Amino acid sequence: MQPPKTKHLISWKDWTDHEVLDLLQFAIHVKHHRANYLGHMTGRTLAMLFQKTSTRTRVSFEVAMTEMGGHAIYLDWMTSNFLLSDIDLEAEYLSRNVSVIMARMRKHEDLLQLKEGSQVPVINGCCNMFHPCQSLADILTIALDNSRPLSDLQMTYIGVHNNVVNSLIGITSALGMRLTLVTPIADPENIDTPTVEQAKKKGTLFWETDLIQAVRKADYIYTDTWVDMEFFNDPNFADKKKARMELMMPYQINEALLKETNAKVMHDMPIHSGYEITREVVRSPRSIIFQQAENRLDAQKAVILQLLEA
């Protein structure tokens, strides 16, 4: 008899629409019933492997395991033997010691190699192509904020087409929610074509070049950093950063733009205030940014529980 196939969360492409909806509903349940899961991870360990810097991903996963009675190990890529060995070989060893692995990687290809070697579920804590845990927290935030069906709601994303956008496209497509992109910078290497084509086929994904038109009917406006966090303070990236900022400044989320819409404002953090969004908007009553960040904890709990309890 063949052992059951290990379920991972690498991107939403590997999950059916029903599975995505079930996970979202479970995350809502976990949010409302945190005390029910205090001991669910007793005796289990999460390995957290980081190539990239992190605040919310590390904190939310570590706190999630602690609150559920488990343990989390932080592994810095640069001080581990992942730096020296084949990724799949190190992953197979690691997976013989822990119940689940969360990896925050620079390259999607490296994440796939880690998954191939692992004997336990692997969770994508962010790579250059996808950020599924963030998008789950985003939709969890909207579902808790709005009693209307997700299929009746519209989100407008304004910014650079990046890993967060790919995951937003995937999850909104699975749930039937309309997503409009205003993305003056959309490098082909950052776009996951199968995810885009699936959303186009379902009729949930749209593009707009007129910023005011894009926000007028939106229920939620979402933005993200214009420069990847690992390059923001890199002097070698300074010229490209300057050119990108000049191109993107007309697309800043500010008080003037909010006068054109009744939408609430979202941002996955970290925030570079004064660039993609102003501090006034971050702190305004229209902002649900900190609720969105808080919901990473419950989203992460739901993912861990679903993968290990399935």
Protein backbone atom coordinates (compact mmCIF):
# COMPACT_ATOMS: atom_id res chain seq x y z
CA MET A 1 0.00 0.00 0.00
CA GLN A 2 1.40 3.39 -1.06
CA PRO A 3 1.81 5.99 1.74
CA PRO A 4 -0.39 9.09 1.33
CA LYS A 5 1.14 11.84 -0.76
CA THR A 6 2.55 14.70 1.30
CA LYS A 7 0.62 17.95 0.88
CA HIS A 8 2.65 21.17 0.58
CA LEU A 9 1.83 24.86 0.23
CA ILE A 10 4.18 26.15 -2.45
CA SER A 11 1.60 28.09 -4.48
CA TRP A 12 -2.16 27.98 -5.01
CA LYS A 13 -1.62 26.12 -8.29
CA ASP A 14 -1.28 22.91 -6.29
CA TRP A 15 -4.59 23.41 -4.46
CA THR A 16 -8.08 23.00 -5.86
CA ASP A 17 -10.59 25.83 -5.52
CA HIS A 18 -12.47 23.76 -2.94
CA GLU A 19 -9.28 23.22 -0.91
CA VAL A 20 -8.52 26.95 -0.93
CA LEU A 21 -12.05 27.81 0.22
CA ASP A 22 -11.88 25.13 2.91
CA LEU A 23 -8.56 26.54 4.17
CA LEU A 24 -9.96 30.07 4.29
CA GLN A 25 -13.02 28.94 6.22
CA PHE A 26 -10.78 27.01 8.59
CA ALA A 27 -8.60 30.10 9.12
CA ILE A 28 -11.72 32.07 10.07
CA HIS A 29 -12.66 29.32 12.52
CA VAL A 30 -9.15 29.29 14.02
CA LYS A 31 -9.27 33.08 14.41
CA HIS A 32 -12.51 32.84 16.37
CA HIS A 33 -11.54 29.77 18.40
CA ARG A 34 -7.84 30.15 19.21
CA ALA A 35 -8.21 28.41 22.59
CA ASN A 36 -9.37 25.21 20.87
CA TYR A 37 -5.92 24.67 19.35
CA LEU A 38 -3.65 25.36 22.32
CA GLY A 39 -2.28 21.81 22.49
CA HIS A 40 -2.64 20.62 18.90
CA MET A 41 1.09 20.80 18.10
CA THR A 42 2.41 19.27 21.33
CA GLY A 43 5.48 17.19 20.53
CA ARG A 44 5.80 18.64 17.03
CA THR A 45 8.50 20.93 15.66
CA LEU A 46 8.50 23.44 12.81
CA ALA A 47 11.81 24.18 11.08
CA MET A 48 11.96 27.78 9.80
CA LEU A 49 14.61 28.21 7.11
CA PHE A 50 15.47 31.78 6.12
CA GLN A 51 17.45 33.08 3.15
CA LYS A 52 15.56 36.39 3.26
CA THR A 53 15.03 38.86 6.10
CA SER A 54 11.73 38.69 7.93
CA THR A 55 9.57 40.18 10.65
CA ARG A 56 5.98 39.00 10.14
CA THR A 57 6.77 35.57 8.71
CA ARG A 58 9.15 34.59 11.50
CA VAL A 59 7.05 36.04 14.31
CA SER A 60 3.74 34.63 13.11
CA PHE A 61 5.05 31.11 12.49
CA GLU A 62 7.03 30.95 15.72
CA VAL A 63 4.17 32.32 17.82
CA ALA A 64 1.74 29.99 16.04
CA MET A 65 3.73 26.92 17.07
CA THR A 66 4.26 28.22 20.60
CA GLU A 67 0.57 28.99 21.14
CA MET A 68 -0.40 25.56 19.79
CA GLY A 69 2.00 23.80 22.14
CA GLY A 70 4.72 23.01 19.61
CA HIS A 71 8.23 24.24 18.98
CA ALA A 72 9.88 26.24 16.20
CA ILE A 73 13.55 26.17 15.20
CA TYR A 74 15.04 29.19 13.41
CA LEU A 75 17.64 28.25 10.78
CA ASP A 76 19.68 30.96 9.09
CA TRP A 77 20.65 29.80 5.60
CA MET A 78 24.07 31.49 5.86
CA THR A 79 25.00 29.66 9.06
CA SER A 80 23.61 26.26 8.08
CA ASN A 81 24.95 23.56 5.79
CA PHE A 82 22.25 24.33 3.23
CA LEU A 83 24.85 26.83 2.05
CA LEU A 84 27.35 24.03 1.39
CA SER A 85 25.35 21.02 0.23
CA ASP A 86 22.69 19.96 -2.28
CA ILE A 87 19.42 21.43 -1.04
CA ASP A 88 17.38 18.25 -1.43
CA LEU A 89 19.91 16.21 0.57
CA GLU A 90 19.91 18.65 3.50
CA ALA A 91 16.11 18.82 3.29
CA GLU A 92 15.77 15.07 3.59
CA TYR A 93 17.87 15.07 6.75
CA LEU A 94 15.99 18.03 8.22
CA SER A 95 12.62 16.48 7.48
CA ARG A 96 13.56 13.35 9.46
CA ASN A 97 13.71 15.53 12.59
CA VAL A 98 10.73 17.87 12.27
CA SER A 99 7.03 17.69 11.43
CA VAL A 100 6.88 20.58 8.96
CA ILE A 101 9.27 22.99 7.21
CA MET A 102 8.66 26.64 6.42
CA ALA A 103 11.19 28.12 3.99
CA ARG A 104 11.65 31.76 3.01
CA MET A 105 13.77 31.56 -0.13
CA ARG A 106 15.14 33.91 -2.77
CA LYS A 107 14.67 31.51 -5.69
CA HIS A 108 11.53 29.51 -6.40
CA GLU A 109 13.66 26.79 -8.01
CA ASP A 110 15.54 26.28 -4.73
CA LEU A 111 12.25 25.96 -2.87
CA LEU A 112 11.12 23.25 -5.29
CA GLN A 113 14.39 21.39 -4.75
CA LEU A 114 13.85 21.58 -0.99
CA LYS A 115 10.33 20.20 -1.42
CA GLU A 116 11.65 17.30 -3.49
CA GLY A 117 13.95 16.23 -0.67
CA SER A 118 11.51 16.73 2.19
CA GLN A 119 9.51 13.91 3.71
CA VAL A 120 7.22 16.37 5.54
CA PRO A 121 5.04 19.28 4.36
CA VAL A 122 6.88 22.35 3.09
CA ILE A 123 5.31 25.80 3.40
CA ASN A 124 6.43 28.63 1.14
CA GLY A 125 7.14 31.52 3.50
CA CYS A 126 7.95 33.71 0.48
CA CYS A 127 10.05 33.26 -2.65
CA ASN A 128 10.65 35.41 -5.69
CA MET A 129 7.52 34.05 -7.43
CA PHE A 130 4.90 33.44 -4.72
CA HIS A 131 3.82 34.44 -1.23
CA PRO A 132 0.77 32.23 -0.54
CA CYS A 133 0.69 32.71 3.24
CA GLN A 134 0.46 36.47 2.80
CA SER A 135 -2.40 36.19 0.33
CA LEU A 136 -4.31 33.88 2.68
CA ALA A 137 -3.98 36.45 5.46
CA ASP A 138 -5.10 39.16 3.01
CA ILE A 139 -8.30 37.36 2.06
CA LEU A 140 -8.89 36.35 5.69
CA THR A 141 -8.74 40.05 6.56
CA ILE A 142 -11.29 40.92 3.88
CA ALA A 143 -13.61 38.09 4.90
CA LEU A 144 -13.54 39.28 8.53
CA ASP A 145 -13.99 42.92 7.50
CA ASN A 146 -16.87 42.47 5.06
CA SER A 147 -20.01 40.33 5.35
CA ARG A 148 -20.64 40.35 1.59
CA PRO A 149 -19.67 37.28 -0.46
CA LEU A 150 -16.12 37.50 -1.80
CA SER A 151 -17.50 37.11 -5.31
CA ASP A 152 -19.26 40.47 -4.86
CA LEU A 153 -16.10 42.32 -3.85
CA GLN A 154 -13.42 44.05 -5.90
CA MET A 155 -9.76 44.52 -5.05
CA THR A 156 -7.44 46.87 -6.92
CA TYR A 157 -3.72 46.26 -6.62
CA ILE A 158 -1.49 49.25 -7.43
CA GLY A 159 2.24 48.78 -7.80
CA VAL A 160 4.85 46.43 -9.19
CA HIS A 161 3.85 42.96 -10.39
CA ASN A 162 5.69 40.71 -7.93
CA ASN A 163 5.36 37.51 -5.89
CA VAL A 164 2.52 38.94 -3.81
CA VAL A 165 0.56 39.72 -6.98
CA ASN A 166 1.00 36.18 -8.30
CA SER A 167 -0.45 34.77 -5.09
CA LEU A 168 -3.27 37.32 -5.00
CA ILE A 169 -4.19 36.35 -8.56
CA GLY A 170 -4.22 32.68 -7.58
CA ILE A 171 -6.32 32.99 -4.43
CA THR A 172 -8.84 35.49 -5.83
CA SER A 173 -9.27 33.27 -8.87
CA ALA A 174 -9.95 30.25 -6.64
CA LEU A 175 -12.51 32.19 -4.60
CA GLY A 176 -14.19 34.06 -7.47
CA MET A 177 -13.15 37.54 -6.31
CA ARG A 178 -12.49 40.29 -8.86
CA LEU A 179 -8.91 41.61 -8.95
CA THR A 180 -7.81 44.61 -11.01
CA LEU A 181 -4.12 45.30 -11.53
CA VAL A 182 -2.54 48.71 -12.05
CA THR A 183 1.04 47.59 -12.63
CA PRO A 184 3.24 50.00 -14.61
CA ILE A 185 6.18 47.68 -13.88
CA ALA A 186 5.49 44.07 -14.82
CA ASP A 187 8.69 42.30 -15.80
CA PRO A 188 7.92 38.99 -17.57
CA GLU A 189 10.26 37.06 -15.27
CA ASN A 190 8.14 38.10 -12.28
CA ILE A 191 4.83 36.97 -13.80
CA ASP A 192 3.59 33.41 -13.35
CA THR A 193 1.87 32.87 -16.68
CA PRO A 194 -0.17 29.73 -15.75
CA THR A 195 -1.66 31.57 -12.74
CA VAL A 196 -2.53 34.57 -14.90
CA GLU A 197 -4.07 32.45 -17.66
CA GLN A 198 -6.19 30.49 -15.20
CA ALA A 199 -7.55 33.70 -13.68
CA LYS A 200 -8.27 35.18 -17.11
CA LYS A 201 -10.14 32.00 -18.03
CA LYS A 202 -12.27 32.31 -14.88
CA GLY A 203 -12.93 35.99 -15.54
CA THR A 204 -11.58 37.26 -12.20
CA LEU A 205 -8.49 39.19 -13.40
CA PHE A 206 -8.44 42.58 -15.11
CA TRP A 207 -5.95 45.34 -15.92
CA GLU A 208 -6.41 49.10 -15.82
CA THR A 209 -4.09 51.95 -16.77
CA ASP A 210 -6.29 54.77 -15.47
CA LEU A 211 -5.58 54.95 -11.73
CA ILE A 212 -8.71 56.90 -10.81
CA GLN A 213 -10.94 54.57 -12.80
CA ALA A 214 -9.29 51.59 -11.13
CA VAL A 215 -10.02 52.74 -7.58
CA ARG A 216 -13.51 54.23 -7.94
CA LYS A 217 -15.38 50.93 -7.75
CA ALA A 218 -12.86 49.13 -5.57
CA ASP A 219 -13.80 47.83 -2.14
CA TYR A 220 -10.12 47.36 -1.25
CA ILE A 221 -6.94 49.02 -2.53
CA TYR A 222 -3.74 47.04 -2.06
CA THR A 223 -0.17 48.20 -2.51
CA ASP A 224 3.29 46.81 -1.83
CA THR A 225 6.89 47.99 -1.85
CA TRP A 226 8.18 49.12 -5.22
CA VAL A 227 11.64 47.69 -4.49
CA ASP A 228 12.27 44.23 -3.01
CA MET A 229 13.30 44.51 0.64
CA GLU A 230 16.72 42.93 0.04
CA PHE A 231 17.61 45.63 -2.49
CA PHE A 232 16.02 48.71 -0.88
CA ASN A 233 19.20 49.83 0.92
CA ASP A 234 21.68 48.18 -1.47
CA PRO A 235 24.01 50.84 -2.97
CA ASN A 236 24.49 48.64 -6.04
CA PHE A 237 20.75 48.96 -6.72
CA ALA A 238 20.62 52.73 -6.12
CA ASP A 239 20.29 53.85 -9.75
CA LYS A 240 17.57 51.31 -10.54
CA LYS A 241 15.77 52.22 -7.31
CA LYS A 242 15.84 55.94 -8.20
CA ALA A 243 14.45 55.29 -11.70
CA ARG A 244 11.75 53.00 -10.33
CA MET A 245 10.68 55.54 -7.68
CA GLU A 246 10.37 58.30 -10.28
CA LEU A 247 8.23 56.08 -12.51
CA MET A 248 5.99 54.89 -9.68
CA MET A 249 5.41 58.11 -7.67
CA PRO A 250 2.21 58.99 -9.62
CA TYR A 251 0.81 55.69 -8.31
CA GLN A 252 1.34 56.45 -4.62
CA ILE A 253 -1.56 55.71 -2.26
CA ASN A 254 -2.22 59.08 -0.62
CA GLU A 255 -5.03 61.25 0.72
CA ALA A 256 -5.73 62.75 -2.70
CA LEU A 257 -6.32 59.30 -4.19
CA LEU A 258 -8.59 58.26 -1.32
CA LYS A 259 -10.92 61.15 -2.16
CA GLU A 260 -11.73 59.27 -5.38
CA THR A 261 -12.88 56.07 -3.64
CA ASN A 262 -14.56 54.59 -0.57
CA ALA A 263 -12.16 51.64 -0.55
CA LYS A 264 -10.21 50.46 2.46
CA VAL A 265 -6.43 50.27 2.19
CA MET A 266 -4.15 47.23 2.47
CA HIS A 267 -0.38 46.74 2.47
CA ASP A 268 1.52 43.54 3.28
CA MET A 269 4.43 45.35 5.01
CA PRO A 270 7.24 46.28 5.44
CA ILE A 271 6.15 49.78 4.48
CA HIS A 272 8.36 52.37 2.86
CA SER A 273 6.25 55.38 3.82
CA GLY A 274 6.52 58.34 1.51
CA TYR A 275 6.97 56.04 -1.45
CA GLU A 276 4.20 53.53 -2.28
CA ILE A 277 2.00 54.92 0.53
CA THR A 278 1.98 57.89 2.88
CA ARG A 279 2.05 57.64 6.69
CA GLU A 280 -1.24 59.54 6.79
CA VAL A 281 -2.98 56.79 4.85
CA VAL A 282 -1.31 54.01 6.87
CA ARG A 283 -2.70 55.60 10.05
CA SER A 284 -6.05 56.66 8.57
CA PRO A 285 -9.41 55.08 9.52
CA ARG A 286 -9.52 53.61 6.00
CA SER A 287 -6.43 51.49 6.67
CA ILE A 288 -6.77 47.83 7.69
CA ILE A 289 -3.04 47.23 7.32
CA PHE A 290 -2.34 46.25 10.92
CA GLN A 291 -5.35 43.91 11.07
CA GLN A 292 -3.96 42.37 7.87
CA ALA A 293 -0.54 41.87 9.49
CA GLU A 294 -2.10 40.48 12.68
CA ASN A 295 -4.04 37.92 10.63
CA ARG A 296 -0.80 36.33 9.46
CA LEU A 297 -0.81 34.49 12.81
CA ASP A 298 -4.18 32.81 12.33
CA ALA A 299 -3.54 32.15 8.65
CA GLN A 300 -0.26 30.43 9.55
CA LYS A 301 -1.94 28.36 12.25
CA ALA A 302 -4.58 27.21 9.78
CA VAL A 303 -1.96 26.20 7.20
CA ILE A 304 0.09 24.22 9.74
CA LEU A 305 -2.98 22.49 11.16
CA GLN A 306 -4.43 21.70 7.74
CA LEU A 307 -1.19 20.21 6.43
CA LEU A 308 -0.46 18.15 9.53
CA GLU A 309 -4.00 17.13 10.44
CA ALA A 310 -5.16 16.26 6.91
